[in-house]
N, C-alpha and C. Protein backbone atom coordinates (compact mmCIF):
# COMPACT_ATOMS: atom_id res chain seq x y z
N MET A 1 0.85 -1.18 0.00
CA MET A 1 0.00 0.00 0.00
C MET A 1 0.89 1.24 0.00
N SER A 2 0.52 2.22 -0.79
CA SER A 2 1.30 3.45 -0.90
C SER A 2 0.90 4.42 0.21
N PHE A 3 1.88 5.16 0.71
CA PHE A 3 1.60 6.19 1.71
C PHE A 3 1.13 7.49 1.06
N PHE A 4 1.36 7.61 -0.26
CA PHE A 4 1.00 8.83 -0.97
C PHE A 4 -0.23 8.59 -1.83
N PRO A 5 -1.28 9.39 -1.66
CA PRO A 5 -2.48 9.19 -2.47
C PRO A 5 -2.21 9.56 -3.92
N SER A 6 -2.88 8.89 -4.81
CA SER A 6 -2.75 9.16 -6.23
C SER A 6 -3.78 10.20 -6.64
N LEU A 7 -3.45 10.98 -7.65
CA LEU A 7 -4.42 11.94 -8.18
C LEU A 7 -5.60 11.22 -8.83
N PHE A 8 -5.37 9.98 -9.23
CA PHE A 8 -6.39 9.22 -9.94
C PHE A 8 -6.89 8.06 -9.10
N GLY A 9 -7.07 8.26 -7.83
CA GLY A 9 -7.57 7.22 -6.95
C GLY A 9 -6.53 6.14 -6.74
N HIS A 10 -6.96 4.90 -6.90
CA HIS A 10 -6.05 3.79 -6.65
C HIS A 10 -5.41 3.26 -7.92
N GLN A 11 -5.60 3.94 -9.05
CA GLN A 11 -4.99 3.48 -10.29
C GLN A 11 -3.49 3.70 -10.26
N LYS A 12 -2.77 2.79 -10.87
CA LYS A 12 -1.33 2.92 -10.95
C LYS A 12 -0.98 3.96 -12.01
N PRO A 13 0.17 4.63 -11.88
CA PRO A 13 0.58 5.62 -12.89
C PRO A 13 0.68 5.03 -14.29
N GLU A 14 1.01 3.73 -14.41
CA GLU A 14 1.12 3.11 -15.72
C GLU A 14 -0.22 3.14 -16.46
N ALA A 15 -1.31 2.97 -15.71
CA ALA A 15 -2.63 2.98 -16.33
C ALA A 15 -2.94 4.36 -16.91
N VAL A 16 -2.56 5.39 -16.20
CA VAL A 16 -2.79 6.75 -16.66
C VAL A 16 -1.91 7.03 -17.88
N THR A 17 -0.65 6.61 -17.84
CA THR A 17 0.26 6.80 -18.96
C THR A 17 -0.26 6.08 -20.19
N SER A 18 -0.74 4.86 -20.01
CA SER A 18 -1.28 4.09 -21.12
C SER A 18 -2.51 4.77 -21.71
N LEU A 19 -3.38 5.28 -20.86
CA LEU A 19 -4.57 5.99 -21.33
C LEU A 19 -4.18 7.23 -22.13
N ARG A 20 -3.20 7.97 -21.62
CA ARG A 20 -2.76 9.17 -22.33
C ARG A 20 -2.18 8.81 -23.69
N SER A 21 -1.40 7.75 -23.74
CA SER A 21 -0.81 7.30 -25.00
C SER A 21 -1.90 6.94 -26.01
N ARG A 22 -2.92 6.23 -25.54
CA ARG A 22 -4.02 5.86 -26.43
C ARG A 22 -4.79 7.09 -26.92
N LEU A 23 -5.01 8.06 -26.04
CA LEU A 23 -5.69 9.29 -26.46
C LEU A 23 -4.86 10.07 -27.47
N ASP A 24 -3.53 10.13 -27.24
CA ASP A 24 -2.65 10.79 -28.20
C ASP A 24 -2.77 10.15 -29.58
N ASN A 25 -2.81 8.82 -29.61
CA ASN A 25 -2.94 8.11 -30.89
C ASN A 25 -4.27 8.42 -31.57
N VAL A 26 -5.34 8.52 -30.79
CA VAL A 26 -6.64 8.86 -31.37
C VAL A 26 -6.58 10.23 -32.03
N PHE A 27 -6.01 11.22 -31.33
CA PHE A 27 -5.93 12.56 -31.90
C PHE A 27 -4.97 12.60 -33.08
N ASP A 28 -3.85 11.87 -33.02
CA ASP A 28 -2.93 11.82 -34.16
C ASP A 28 -3.63 11.26 -35.39
N ASP A 29 -4.39 10.19 -35.21
CA ASP A 29 -5.12 9.59 -36.33
C ASP A 29 -6.18 10.55 -36.87
N PHE A 30 -6.88 11.24 -35.98
CA PHE A 30 -7.94 12.15 -36.39
C PHE A 30 -7.40 13.31 -37.21
N PHE A 31 -6.25 13.87 -36.78
CA PHE A 31 -5.71 15.07 -37.42
C PHE A 31 -4.67 14.79 -38.51
N LYS A 32 -4.38 13.52 -38.81
CA LYS A 32 -3.28 13.23 -39.72
C LYS A 32 -3.50 13.79 -41.11
N ASP A 33 -4.73 13.94 -41.54
CA ASP A 33 -5.00 14.45 -42.88
C ASP A 33 -5.18 15.97 -42.90
N TRP A 34 -5.02 16.62 -41.77
CA TRP A 34 -5.17 18.06 -41.70
C TRP A 34 -3.79 18.70 -41.64
N PRO A 35 -3.30 19.32 -42.74
CA PRO A 35 -1.96 19.91 -42.71
C PRO A 35 -1.82 21.01 -41.67
N GLN A 36 -2.91 21.74 -41.38
CA GLN A 36 -2.81 22.82 -40.40
C GLN A 36 -2.46 22.28 -39.03
N ALA A 37 -2.94 21.08 -38.70
CA ALA A 37 -2.66 20.50 -37.39
C ALA A 37 -1.19 20.14 -37.27
N ALA A 38 -0.59 19.65 -38.35
CA ALA A 38 0.84 19.33 -38.32
C ALA A 38 1.65 20.61 -38.16
N ASP A 39 1.19 21.69 -38.81
CA ASP A 39 1.92 22.96 -38.72
C ASP A 39 1.81 23.59 -37.34
N ALA A 40 0.82 23.20 -36.55
CA ALA A 40 0.63 23.82 -35.23
C ALA A 40 1.86 23.66 -34.36
N LYS A 41 2.55 22.52 -34.46
CA LYS A 41 3.78 22.33 -33.67
C LYS A 41 4.83 23.35 -34.08
N TRP A 42 4.90 23.64 -35.37
CA TRP A 42 5.93 24.55 -35.86
C TRP A 42 5.65 25.99 -35.46
N LEU A 43 4.39 26.32 -35.20
CA LEU A 43 4.06 27.69 -34.85
C LEU A 43 4.67 28.10 -33.52
N ARG A 44 5.07 27.14 -32.69
CA ARG A 44 5.70 27.43 -31.41
C ARG A 44 6.95 26.58 -31.24
N PRO A 45 8.07 27.00 -31.86
CA PRO A 45 9.29 26.21 -31.68
C PRO A 45 9.70 26.20 -30.21
N ALA A 46 10.35 25.12 -29.80
CA ALA A 46 10.77 24.95 -28.41
C ALA A 46 11.80 26.01 -28.03
N VAL A 47 11.64 26.58 -26.82
CA VAL A 47 12.51 27.65 -26.33
C VAL A 47 12.97 27.31 -24.92
N ASP A 48 14.26 27.54 -24.65
CA ASP A 48 14.81 27.48 -23.30
C ASP A 48 15.33 28.86 -22.95
N VAL A 49 15.04 29.33 -21.75
CA VAL A 49 15.56 30.61 -21.26
C VAL A 49 16.29 30.34 -19.96
N ALA A 50 17.59 30.66 -19.93
CA ALA A 50 18.40 30.45 -18.73
C ALA A 50 19.02 31.78 -18.33
N GLU A 51 19.30 31.91 -17.04
CA GLU A 51 19.84 33.17 -16.52
C GLU A 51 21.13 32.91 -15.76
N THR A 52 22.14 33.76 -16.02
CA THR A 52 23.38 33.76 -15.25
C THR A 52 23.48 35.11 -14.55
N LYS A 53 24.57 35.34 -13.84
CA LYS A 53 24.75 36.64 -13.18
C LYS A 53 24.89 37.77 -14.19
N GLU A 54 25.45 37.44 -15.37
CA GLU A 54 25.73 38.48 -16.35
C GLU A 54 24.70 38.63 -17.47
N ALA A 55 24.00 37.53 -17.79
CA ALA A 55 23.16 37.58 -18.99
C ALA A 55 21.98 36.62 -18.92
N LEU A 56 21.09 36.82 -19.86
CA LEU A 56 19.98 35.91 -20.10
C LEU A 56 20.30 35.19 -21.41
N GLU A 57 20.18 33.86 -21.41
CA GLU A 57 20.48 33.07 -22.60
C GLU A 57 19.19 32.43 -23.11
N VAL A 58 18.86 32.71 -24.36
CA VAL A 58 17.66 32.16 -24.98
C VAL A 58 18.11 31.21 -26.09
N LYS A 59 17.61 29.97 -26.05
CA LYS A 59 17.91 28.99 -27.09
C LYS A 59 16.60 28.55 -27.72
N VAL A 60 16.58 28.53 -29.06
CA VAL A 60 15.37 28.20 -29.80
C VAL A 60 15.70 27.11 -30.81
N ASP A 61 14.93 26.02 -30.80
CA ASP A 61 15.11 24.95 -31.78
C ASP A 61 14.47 25.36 -33.10
N LEU A 62 15.31 25.54 -34.12
CA LEU A 62 14.85 25.91 -35.46
C LEU A 62 15.57 25.05 -36.49
N PRO A 63 15.26 23.76 -36.54
CA PRO A 63 15.99 22.87 -37.44
C PRO A 63 15.72 23.16 -38.92
N ASP A 64 16.73 22.89 -39.74
CA ASP A 64 16.62 23.01 -41.21
C ASP A 64 16.24 24.40 -41.69
N MET A 65 16.69 25.42 -40.99
CA MET A 65 16.41 26.79 -41.43
C MET A 65 17.71 27.46 -41.84
N ASN A 66 17.57 28.52 -42.63
CA ASN A 66 18.69 29.38 -42.97
C ASN A 66 18.64 30.59 -42.05
N ARG A 67 19.80 31.04 -41.62
CA ARG A 67 19.82 32.18 -40.70
C ARG A 67 19.17 33.42 -41.32
N GLU A 68 19.19 33.51 -42.66
CA GLU A 68 18.57 34.65 -43.33
C GLU A 68 17.05 34.66 -43.18
N ASP A 69 16.47 33.51 -42.84
CA ASP A 69 15.02 33.41 -42.70
C ASP A 69 14.54 33.63 -41.27
N ILE A 70 15.45 34.04 -40.39
CA ILE A 70 15.11 34.27 -38.98
C ILE A 70 15.31 35.76 -38.67
N GLN A 71 14.32 36.37 -38.03
CA GLN A 71 14.43 37.78 -37.63
C GLN A 71 14.34 37.89 -36.11
N LEU A 72 15.19 38.75 -35.56
CA LEU A 72 15.19 39.05 -34.13
C LEU A 72 14.93 40.53 -33.94
N GLU A 73 14.08 40.86 -33.00
CA GLU A 73 13.83 42.26 -32.66
C GLU A 73 13.74 42.39 -31.16
N LEU A 74 14.30 43.45 -30.63
CA LEU A 74 14.23 43.74 -29.21
C LEU A 74 13.29 44.91 -29.01
N HIS A 75 12.28 44.71 -28.17
CA HIS A 75 11.29 45.75 -27.87
C HIS A 75 11.25 45.95 -26.36
N GLY A 76 12.22 46.68 -25.81
CA GLY A 76 12.25 46.95 -24.37
C GLY A 76 12.43 45.70 -23.55
N ASP A 77 11.33 45.20 -22.98
CA ASP A 77 11.42 44.01 -22.13
C ASP A 77 10.87 42.76 -22.83
N GLN A 78 10.91 42.77 -24.17
CA GLN A 78 10.47 41.62 -24.95
C GLN A 78 11.42 41.35 -26.10
N LEU A 79 11.67 40.06 -26.34
CA LEU A 79 12.47 39.63 -27.48
C LEU A 79 11.52 38.96 -28.47
N LEU A 80 11.47 39.47 -29.68
CA LEU A 80 10.62 38.91 -30.73
C LEU A 80 11.48 38.06 -31.66
N ILE A 81 11.08 36.80 -31.83
CA ILE A 81 11.77 35.88 -32.72
C ILE A 81 10.73 35.41 -33.73
N GLN A 82 11.01 35.64 -35.02
CA GLN A 82 10.06 35.20 -36.03
C GLN A 82 10.80 34.78 -37.29
N GLY A 83 10.10 34.05 -38.13
CA GLY A 83 10.71 33.60 -39.37
C GLY A 83 9.78 32.68 -40.12
N GLU A 84 10.33 32.09 -41.18
CA GLU A 84 9.55 31.18 -42.00
C GLU A 84 10.43 30.07 -42.53
N LYS A 85 9.94 28.85 -42.39
CA LYS A 85 10.61 27.67 -42.94
C LYS A 85 9.88 27.31 -44.22
N GLN A 86 10.58 27.47 -45.34
CA GLN A 86 9.98 27.26 -46.65
C GLN A 86 10.04 25.80 -47.08
N PHE A 87 9.01 25.35 -47.76
CA PHE A 87 9.02 24.03 -48.41
C PHE A 87 9.47 24.27 -49.83
N LYS A 88 10.60 23.67 -50.19
CA LYS A 88 11.16 23.88 -51.52
C LYS A 88 10.97 22.61 -52.34
N LYS A 89 10.06 22.68 -53.28
CA LYS A 89 9.83 21.54 -54.17
C LYS A 89 10.57 21.82 -55.46
N GLU A 90 11.42 20.90 -55.84
CA GLU A 90 12.18 21.05 -57.07
C GLU A 90 11.31 20.66 -58.26
N ASP A 91 11.57 21.29 -59.41
CA ASP A 91 10.79 20.99 -60.62
C ASP A 91 10.92 19.53 -61.02
N LYS A 92 12.11 18.98 -60.83
CA LYS A 92 12.33 17.59 -61.23
C LYS A 92 11.84 16.60 -60.16
N ASP A 93 11.37 17.12 -59.05
CA ASP A 93 10.91 16.28 -57.94
C ASP A 93 9.52 15.72 -58.26
N ASP A 94 9.46 14.43 -58.52
CA ASP A 94 8.17 13.82 -58.84
C ASP A 94 7.72 12.88 -57.73
N LYS A 95 8.11 13.20 -56.50
CA LYS A 95 7.74 12.38 -55.35
C LYS A 95 6.29 12.61 -54.97
N GLY A 96 5.64 11.53 -54.60
CA GLY A 96 4.33 11.62 -53.98
C GLY A 96 4.50 11.18 -52.53
N TYR A 97 4.18 12.04 -51.59
CA TYR A 97 4.42 11.75 -50.18
C TYR A 97 3.33 10.86 -49.59
N HIS A 98 3.73 9.83 -48.88
CA HIS A 98 2.81 8.99 -48.13
C HIS A 98 2.62 9.53 -46.72
N LEU A 99 3.66 10.16 -46.21
CA LEU A 99 3.63 10.74 -44.87
C LEU A 99 4.51 11.97 -44.88
N MET A 100 4.02 13.06 -44.33
CA MET A 100 4.80 14.31 -44.30
C MET A 100 4.61 14.93 -42.93
N GLU A 101 5.56 14.69 -42.03
CA GLU A 101 5.45 15.19 -40.65
C GLU A 101 6.31 16.42 -40.40
N ARG A 102 7.28 16.66 -41.26
CA ARG A 102 8.10 17.85 -41.07
C ARG A 102 7.28 19.06 -41.47
N ALA A 103 7.17 20.00 -40.56
CA ALA A 103 6.28 21.15 -40.76
C ALA A 103 7.01 22.31 -41.42
N TYR A 104 6.26 23.09 -42.17
CA TYR A 104 6.78 24.28 -42.84
C TYR A 104 5.80 25.41 -42.59
N GLY A 105 6.32 26.63 -42.65
CA GLY A 105 5.45 27.79 -42.47
C GLY A 105 6.09 28.82 -41.57
N SER A 106 5.30 29.80 -41.18
CA SER A 106 5.78 30.91 -40.36
C SER A 106 5.65 30.61 -38.88
N PHE A 107 6.51 31.23 -38.11
CA PHE A 107 6.42 31.14 -36.66
C PHE A 107 6.72 32.51 -36.07
N ARG A 108 6.28 32.69 -34.84
CA ARG A 108 6.53 33.95 -34.12
C ARG A 108 6.48 33.63 -32.63
N ARG A 109 7.53 34.02 -31.92
CA ARG A 109 7.57 33.85 -30.46
C ARG A 109 7.97 35.17 -29.85
N VAL A 110 7.29 35.53 -28.78
CA VAL A 110 7.65 36.72 -28.00
C VAL A 110 8.09 36.21 -26.64
N ILE A 111 9.34 36.51 -26.30
CA ILE A 111 9.92 36.07 -25.04
C ILE A 111 9.95 37.26 -24.08
N PRO A 112 9.19 37.20 -22.98
CA PRO A 112 9.24 38.30 -22.00
C PRO A 112 10.57 38.26 -21.25
N LEU A 113 11.17 39.42 -21.08
CA LEU A 113 12.45 39.53 -20.37
C LEU A 113 12.21 40.09 -18.97
N PRO A 114 13.02 39.69 -17.99
CA PRO A 114 12.85 40.20 -16.63
C PRO A 114 13.44 41.59 -16.43
N PHE A 115 13.90 42.21 -17.51
CA PHE A 115 14.47 43.55 -17.46
C PHE A 115 14.25 44.22 -18.81
N THR A 116 14.46 45.53 -18.85
CA THR A 116 14.31 46.28 -20.09
C THR A 116 15.67 46.60 -20.66
N LEU A 117 15.83 46.34 -21.95
CA LEU A 117 17.06 46.69 -22.66
C LEU A 117 16.75 47.77 -23.67
N SER A 118 17.38 48.93 -23.52
CA SER A 118 17.14 50.01 -24.48
C SER A 118 18.20 49.99 -25.58
N ASP A 119 19.34 49.34 -25.33
CA ASP A 119 20.44 49.29 -26.30
C ASP A 119 20.67 47.84 -26.72
N SER A 120 20.47 47.56 -27.99
CA SER A 120 20.62 46.19 -28.48
C SER A 120 22.03 45.91 -29.00
N SER A 121 22.94 46.88 -28.90
CA SER A 121 24.28 46.69 -29.46
C SER A 121 25.08 45.59 -28.76
N GLU A 122 24.77 45.29 -27.51
CA GLU A 122 25.50 44.25 -26.77
C GLU A 122 24.86 42.87 -26.89
N VAL A 123 23.68 42.80 -27.50
CA VAL A 123 23.01 41.51 -27.67
C VAL A 123 23.73 40.72 -28.75
N LYS A 124 24.01 39.45 -28.47
CA LYS A 124 24.71 38.59 -29.42
C LYS A 124 23.79 37.44 -29.81
N ALA A 125 23.80 37.10 -31.09
CA ALA A 125 22.98 35.99 -31.58
C ALA A 125 23.80 35.13 -32.53
N SER A 126 23.60 33.81 -32.42
CA SER A 126 24.26 32.88 -33.33
C SER A 126 23.30 31.75 -33.67
N TYR A 127 23.54 31.13 -34.82
CA TYR A 127 22.70 30.01 -35.26
C TYR A 127 23.63 28.89 -35.69
N ASP A 128 23.54 27.75 -35.00
CA ASP A 128 24.42 26.63 -35.29
C ASP A 128 23.68 25.31 -35.07
N LYS A 129 23.76 24.43 -36.04
CA LYS A 129 23.17 23.09 -35.96
C LYS A 129 21.69 23.12 -35.58
N GLY A 130 20.96 24.08 -36.14
CA GLY A 130 19.52 24.13 -35.92
C GLY A 130 19.09 24.79 -34.63
N VAL A 131 20.03 25.39 -33.90
CA VAL A 131 19.69 26.04 -32.63
C VAL A 131 20.10 27.51 -32.69
N LEU A 132 19.13 28.39 -32.48
CA LEU A 132 19.39 29.82 -32.37
C LEU A 132 19.71 30.13 -30.91
N THR A 133 20.84 30.80 -30.66
CA THR A 133 21.22 31.19 -29.30
C THR A 133 21.33 32.71 -29.25
N VAL A 134 20.63 33.31 -28.30
CA VAL A 134 20.66 34.76 -28.12
C VAL A 134 21.13 35.04 -26.70
N LEU A 135 22.18 35.87 -26.57
CA LEU A 135 22.69 36.28 -25.26
C LEU A 135 22.34 37.74 -25.05
N LEU A 136 21.58 37.99 -24.00
CA LEU A 136 21.13 39.35 -23.66
C LEU A 136 21.79 39.75 -22.35
N PRO A 137 22.78 40.65 -22.39
CA PRO A 137 23.44 41.05 -21.15
C PRO A 137 22.49 41.83 -20.25
N LYS A 138 22.60 41.56 -18.96
CA LYS A 138 21.78 42.30 -18.01
C LYS A 138 22.28 43.74 -17.92
N PRO A 139 21.38 44.69 -17.81
CA PRO A 139 21.80 46.08 -17.69
C PRO A 139 22.56 46.31 -16.38
N ALA A 140 23.61 47.10 -16.45
CA ALA A 140 24.41 47.40 -15.25
C ALA A 140 23.62 48.24 -14.28
N GLY A 141 23.68 47.87 -13.01
CA GLY A 141 23.06 48.65 -11.96
C GLY A 141 21.56 48.50 -11.85
N GLU A 142 20.96 47.74 -12.73
CA GLU A 142 19.50 47.57 -12.66
C GLU A 142 19.17 46.25 -11.99
N GLN A 143 18.30 46.31 -11.03
CA GLN A 143 17.87 45.11 -10.33
C GLN A 143 16.69 44.49 -11.08
N VAL A 144 16.65 43.19 -11.08
CA VAL A 144 15.49 42.51 -11.64
C VAL A 144 14.34 42.70 -10.66
N ASN A 145 13.21 43.09 -11.17
CA ASN A 145 12.05 43.35 -10.32
C ASN A 145 11.41 42.04 -9.87
N SER A 146 11.94 41.49 -8.80
CA SER A 146 11.34 40.29 -8.24
C SER A 146 11.42 40.37 -6.73
N LYS A 147 10.42 39.80 -6.09
CA LYS A 147 10.36 39.83 -4.64
C LYS A 147 9.66 38.56 -4.19
N ARG A 148 10.19 37.94 -3.19
CA ARG A 148 9.57 36.73 -2.65
C ARG A 148 8.33 37.13 -1.86
N ILE A 149 7.26 36.39 -2.08
CA ILE A 149 6.00 36.67 -1.40
C ILE A 149 5.65 35.46 -0.55
N ASP A 150 5.42 35.70 0.72
CA ASP A 150 5.04 34.62 1.62
C ASP A 150 3.61 34.20 1.36
N ILE A 151 3.38 32.91 1.42
CA ILE A 151 2.04 32.36 1.24
C ILE A 151 1.46 32.04 2.60
N LYS A 152 0.26 32.53 2.87
CA LYS A 152 -0.37 32.31 4.17
C LYS A 152 -1.51 31.34 4.04
């Protein structure tokens, strides 16, 4: 007997995982013929935001893109990342696809920053092996507006 109650009564976690897997398959089968559903994943590329004492590091997964197709803009306390992954069909390409899971199209992400940057000259960006990395130095002398709040 477990000392910790389950969120799902007495069911084991494996049963919940199995149910979720089956539901995922149902939705995958339902949406497989809808190209817009496949593109939905691409509309929000995966982002990691990490903070050090000196900077904020933003990493974005953008596989199979050209750096020329990615735009970065800094708007005070927001970083805008947008671009488009083009599907390039060659004239001599006579392939008929049975399955096409790699998504193409436009994306746009707005990353809120914990500080305001008025000068973008110190921001550094690089794109390597499908990962966009942006380093945003913290402004000198400015404190991040955060305060611990006690819960009662």
